[in-house]
Amino acid sequence: MIEKTTRINFLFDFYQALLTDKQRSYMELYYLDDLSLGEIAEEYTISRQAVYDNIRRTEAMLEEYEAKLSLFSKFQRRQETVEQLLSLVKDQSSEKELIQLINQLKEWD
């Protein structure tokens, strides 16, 4: 469950601009603010099932965006590459300037 939540949070970070205001709001309340389906339903005066359906459809949309655009996958690969570079540079006792540049790359993401 934690892995799914973490993945959805990352996908939401990357693709939230592509969602409607309502979808964005439900996802923020459910995943970021940790509200229950019932609490969200009460806030919007709709059924718990309507909230559930909207969140599940939005999750599917986020997965579809990722399948097409791969922003999260590319981000993960960049992070892995940067970590590998940093590891190699540290093992080689290379210059501090190179380490600083790699750390700067990490900060851009």
Protein backbone atom coordinates (compact mmCIF):
# COMPACT_ATOMS: atom_id res chain seq x y z
CA MET A 1 0.00 0.00 0.00
CA ILE A 2 2.80 2.41 0.85
CA GLU A 3 4.50 1.72 -2.49
CA LYS A 4 1.26 2.45 -4.34
CA THR A 5 0.70 5.63 -2.33
CA THR A 6 4.26 6.79 -2.99
CA ARG A 7 3.92 6.07 -6.71
CA ILE A 8 0.59 7.91 -6.96
CA ASN A 9 2.07 10.87 -5.08
CA PHE A 10 4.97 11.04 -7.55
CA LEU A 11 2.65 10.71 -10.53
CA PHE A 12 0.42 13.40 -9.06
CA ASP A 13 3.44 15.70 -8.71
CA PHE A 14 4.35 15.20 -12.35
CA TYR A 15 0.89 15.29 -13.94
CA GLN A 16 -1.38 17.32 -11.67
CA ALA A 17 -1.50 20.17 -14.16
CA LEU A 18 -3.33 17.82 -16.54
CA LEU A 19 -6.13 17.14 -14.05
CA THR A 20 -9.32 19.08 -13.46
CA ASP A 21 -9.65 21.19 -10.33
CA LYS A 22 -12.03 18.63 -8.81
CA GLN A 23 -9.70 15.71 -9.55
CA ARG A 24 -6.76 17.64 -8.13
CA SER A 25 -8.72 18.52 -5.00
CA TYR A 26 -9.87 14.94 -4.32
CA MET A 27 -6.36 13.58 -4.83
CA GLU A 28 -4.80 16.20 -2.55
CA LEU A 29 -7.35 15.54 0.17
CA TYR A 30 -7.03 11.76 -0.08
CA TYR A 31 -3.31 11.28 -0.68
CA LEU A 32 -1.65 14.40 0.73
CA ASP A 33 -4.00 15.39 3.57
CA ASP A 34 -4.89 11.74 4.37
CA LEU A 35 -8.63 12.34 4.59
CA SER A 36 -10.92 9.34 4.37
CA LEU A 37 -13.40 8.84 1.55
CA GLY A 38 -16.20 9.63 3.98
CA GLU A 39 -14.59 12.89 5.08
CA ILE A 40 -14.12 14.01 1.48
CA ALA A 41 -17.71 12.99 0.63
CA GLU A 42 -19.00 15.01 3.57
CA GLU A 43 -16.98 18.06 2.54
CA TYR A 44 -18.37 17.95 -1.00
CA THR A 45 -21.83 16.68 0.00
CA ILE A 46 -21.62 13.69 -2.33
CA SER A 47 -21.58 9.95 -1.74
CA ARG A 48 -18.53 8.09 -0.56
CA GLN A 49 -18.82 5.92 -3.69
CA ALA A 50 -18.65 9.01 -5.94
CA VAL A 51 -15.41 10.07 -4.25
CA TYR A 52 -14.01 6.55 -4.55
CA ASP A 53 -14.89 6.33 -8.25
CA ASN A 54 -13.37 9.72 -8.98
CA ILE A 55 -10.13 8.88 -7.18
CA ARG A 56 -9.81 5.50 -8.94
CA ARG A 57 -10.47 7.08 -12.37
CA THR A 58 -7.90 9.78 -11.61
CA GLU A 59 -5.33 7.17 -10.56
CA ALA A 60 -5.93 5.36 -13.86
CA MET A 61 -5.49 8.63 -15.75
CA LEU A 62 -2.20 9.32 -13.96
CA GLU A 63 -0.97 5.83 -14.88
CA GLU A 64 -2.05 6.41 -18.48
CA TYR A 65 -0.17 9.72 -18.62
CA GLU A 66 2.90 7.97 -17.27
CA ALA A 67 2.59 5.19 -19.84
CA LYS A 68 2.55 7.78 -22.61
CA LEU A 69 4.97 10.42 -21.30
CA SER A 70 7.25 8.48 -18.91
CA LEU A 71 8.21 11.56 -16.89
CA PHE A 72 8.41 9.64 -13.62
CA SER A 73 10.40 6.77 -15.16
CA LYS A 74 12.86 9.21 -16.69
CA PHE A 75 13.17 11.01 -13.36
CA GLN A 76 13.94 7.73 -11.61
CA ARG A 77 16.57 6.79 -14.20
CA ARG A 78 18.22 10.22 -13.89
CA GLN A 79 18.30 9.86 -10.11
CA GLU A 80 19.86 6.39 -10.36
CA THR A 81 22.47 7.63 -12.84
CA VAL A 82 23.39 10.58 -10.66
CA GLU A 83 23.77 8.29 -7.64
CA GLN A 84 25.98 5.92 -9.65
CA LEU A 85 28.12 8.82 -10.85
CA LEU A 86 28.46 10.15 -7.34
CA SER A 87 29.45 6.71 -6.09
CA LEU A 88 32.09 6.29 -8.81
CA VAL A 89 33.50 9.74 -8.23
CA LYS A 90 33.78 9.15 -4.49
CA ASP A 91 35.49 5.81 -5.06
CA GLN A 92 38.00 7.42 -7.40
CA SER A 93 38.75 10.29 -4.99
CA SER A 94 38.18 12.73 -7.84
CA GLU A 95 38.10 16.46 -7.57
CA LYS A 96 35.54 18.23 -5.38
CA GLU A 97 34.40 20.31 -8.33
CA LEU A 98 33.01 17.24 -10.11
CA ILE A 99 31.11 16.18 -6.99
CA GLN A 100 29.66 19.68 -6.71
CA LEU A 101 28.44 19.53 -10.30
CA ILE A 102 26.77 16.17 -9.73
CA ASN A 103 25.12 17.48 -6.58
CA GLN A 104 23.90 20.46 -8.58
CA LEU A 105 22.32 18.04 -11.08
CA LYS A 106 20.52 16.32 -8.19
CA GLU A 107 19.10 19.65 -7.00
CA TRP A 108 17.57 20.44 -10.41
CA ASP A 109 15.12 17.57 -10.03
